[in-house]
Amino acid sequence: MLTCKEMVARSSDYLDGELTLGGRLLARQHLLFCRNCRRFIKQMRLAQAAVRALPEAPVPDADALAKDLAAQRRAQDKR
């Protein structure tokens, strides 16, 4: 059976469905007996759902951003 530390290390792969059949079985067995890890996985699922629900931020124009940063830097250097 997995330890809690091993379960946490594999939690992202578990939630993303990237574990092998044996890995999934070990994770499920651990979750069956460990209330703390069940709670952790539940919180991770909630966090994933919250992140998915966020609107996508528009990607700023990299060239304009670089120009703005350079202008700010020059302004600071003049002080």
C-alpha atoms as a PDB file:
ATOM      1  CA  MET A   1       0.000   0.000   0.000  1.00  0.00           C
ATOM      2  CA  LEU A   2       1.154   3.565  -0.698  1.00  0.00           C
ATOM      3  CA  THR A   3       2.196   5.909   2.068  1.00  0.00           C
ATOM      4  CA  CYS A   4       0.524   9.302   2.365  1.00  0.00           C
ATOM      5  CA  LYS A   5       3.700  10.942   1.056  1.00  0.00           C
ATOM      6  CA  GLU A   6       3.642   8.700  -2.031  1.00  0.00           C
ATOM      7  CA  MET A   7      -0.057   9.385  -2.552  1.00  0.00           C
ATOM      8  CA  VAL A   8       0.512  13.144  -2.475  1.00  0.00           C
ATOM      9  CA  ALA A   9       3.401  12.779  -4.930  1.00  0.00           C
ATOM     10  CA  ARG A  10       1.153  10.853  -7.337  1.00  0.00           C
ATOM     11  CA  SER A  11      -1.979  12.919  -6.765  1.00  0.00           C
ATOM     12  CA  SER A  12      -1.692  15.017  -9.935  1.00  0.00           C
ATOM     13  CA  ASP A  13      -1.161  11.942 -12.084  1.00  0.00           C
ATOM     14  CA  TYR A  14      -4.061  10.241 -10.310  1.00  0.00           C
ATOM     15  CA  LEU A  15      -6.414  13.159 -10.899  1.00  0.00           C
ATOM     16  CA  ASP A  16      -5.305  13.525 -14.524  1.00  0.00           C
ATOM     17  CA  GLY A  17      -5.845   9.813 -15.168  1.00  0.00           C
ATOM     18  CA  GLU A  18      -2.199   9.265 -16.050  1.00  0.00           C
ATOM     19  CA  LEU A  19      -1.429   6.380 -13.686  1.00  0.00           C
ATOM     20  CA  THR A  20      -1.092   2.827 -14.915  1.00  0.00           C
ATOM     21  CA  LEU A  21      -3.749   0.335 -13.890  1.00  0.00           C
ATOM     22  CA  GLY A  22      -1.529  -0.863 -11.044  1.00  0.00           C
ATOM     23  CA  GLY A  23      -0.868   2.698  -9.926  1.00  0.00           C
ATOM     24  CA  ARG A  24      -4.579   3.521  -9.935  1.00  0.00           C
ATOM     25  CA  LEU A  25      -5.333   0.425  -7.901  1.00  0.00           C
ATOM     26  CA  LEU A  26      -2.662   1.307  -5.335  1.00  0.00           C
ATOM     27  CA  ALA A  27      -3.980   4.870  -5.103  1.00  0.00           C
ATOM     28  CA  ARG A  28      -7.590   3.725  -4.721  1.00  0.00           C
ATOM     29  CA  GLN A  29      -6.587   1.209  -2.073  1.00  0.00           C
ATOM     30  CA  HIS A  30      -4.808   3.924  -0.126  1.00  0.00           C
ATOM     31  CA  LEU A  31      -7.766   6.296  -0.461  1.00  0.00           C
ATOM     32  CA  LEU A  32     -10.081   3.588   0.795  1.00  0.00           C
ATOM     33  CA  PHE A  33      -8.216   3.478   4.105  1.00  0.00           C
ATOM     34  CA  CYS A  34      -6.925   7.036   4.496  1.00  0.00           C
ATOM     35  CA  ARG A  35      -9.441   9.745   5.321  1.00  0.00           C
ATOM     36  CA  ASN A  36      -6.819  12.504   5.227  1.00  0.00           C
ATOM     37  CA  CYS A  37      -5.746  11.662   1.677  1.00  0.00           C
ATOM     38  CA  ARG A  38      -9.396  11.424   0.571  1.00  0.00           C
ATOM     39  CA  ARG A  39      -9.856  14.936   1.928  1.00  0.00           C
ATOM     40  CA  PHE A  40      -6.675  16.081   0.148  1.00  0.00           C
ATOM     41  CA  ILE A  41      -7.822  14.627  -3.196  1.00  0.00           C
ATOM     42  CA  LYS A  42     -11.236  16.232  -2.754  1.00  0.00           C
ATOM     43  CA  GLN A  43      -9.576  19.626  -2.162  1.00  0.00           C
ATOM     44  CA  MET A  44      -7.371  19.119  -5.224  1.00  0.00           C
ATOM     45  CA  ARG A  45     -10.460  18.356  -7.346  1.00  0.00           C
ATOM     46  CA  LEU A  46     -12.153  21.508  -6.056  1.00  0.00           C
ATOM     47  CA  ALA A  47      -9.043  23.564  -6.833  1.00  0.00           C
ATOM     48  CA  GLN A  48      -8.892  22.123 -10.364  1.00  0.00           C
ATOM     49  CA  ALA A  49     -12.558  22.964 -10.914  1.00  0.00           C
ATOM     50  CA  ALA A  50     -12.048  26.507  -9.638  1.00  0.00           C
ATOM     51  CA  VAL A  51      -9.095  27.060 -11.952  1.00  0.00           C
ATOM     52  CA  ARG A  52     -11.036  25.672 -14.920  1.00  0.00           C
ATOM     53  CA  ALA A  53     -13.899  28.054 -14.136  1.00  0.00           C
ATOM     54  CA  LEU A  54     -11.657  31.126 -14.313  1.00  0.00           C
ATOM     55  CA  PRO A  55     -11.957  33.157 -17.490  1.00  0.00           C
ATOM     56  CA  GLU A  56      -8.928  33.101 -19.731  1.00  0.00           C
ATOM     57  CA  ALA A  57      -6.937  36.296 -19.475  1.00  0.00           C
ATOM     58  CA  PRO A  58      -6.072  37.958 -22.751  1.00  0.00           C
ATOM     59  CA  VAL A  59      -2.423  37.529 -23.660  1.00  0.00           C
ATOM     60  CA  PRO A  60      -0.770  40.940 -23.750  1.00  0.00           C
ATOM     61  CA  ASP A  61       1.236  41.966 -26.776  1.00  0.00           C
ATOM     62  CA  ALA A  62       4.778  40.956 -25.844  1.00  0.00           C
ATOM     63  CA  ASP A  63       6.419  43.691 -27.913  1.00  0.00           C
ATOM     64  CA  ALA A  64       4.298  46.419 -26.332  1.00  0.00           C
ATOM     65  CA  LEU A  65       4.995  44.999 -22.883  1.00  0.00           C
ATOM     66  CA  ALA A  66       8.755  44.969 -23.550  1.00  0.00           C
ATOM     67  CA  LYS A  67       8.624  48.606 -24.744  1.00  0.00           C
ATOM     68  CA  ASP A  68       6.681  49.670 -21.646  1.00  0.00           C
ATOM     69  CA  LEU A  69       9.151  47.922 -19.343  1.00  0.00           C
ATOM     70  CA  ALA A  70      12.116  49.496 -21.164  1.00  0.00           C
ATOM     71  CA  ALA A  71      10.511  52.940 -20.869  1.00  0.00           C
ATOM     72  CA  GLN A  72       9.918  52.432 -17.151  1.00  0.00           C
ATOM     73  CA  ARG A  73      13.519  51.310 -16.715  1.00  0.00           C
ATOM     74  CA  ARG A  74      14.847  54.399 -18.538  1.00  0.00           C
ATOM     75  CA  ALA A  75      12.631  56.631 -16.415  1.00  0.00           C
ATOM     76  CA  GLN A  76      14.004  55.029 -13.240  1.00  0.00           C
ATOM     77  CA  ASP A  77      17.601  55.351 -14.460  1.00  0.00           C
ATOM     78  CA  LYS A  78      17.123  59.103 -15.035  1.00  0.00           C
ATOM     79  CA  ARG A  79      16.133  59.677 -11.417  1.00  0.00           C
END
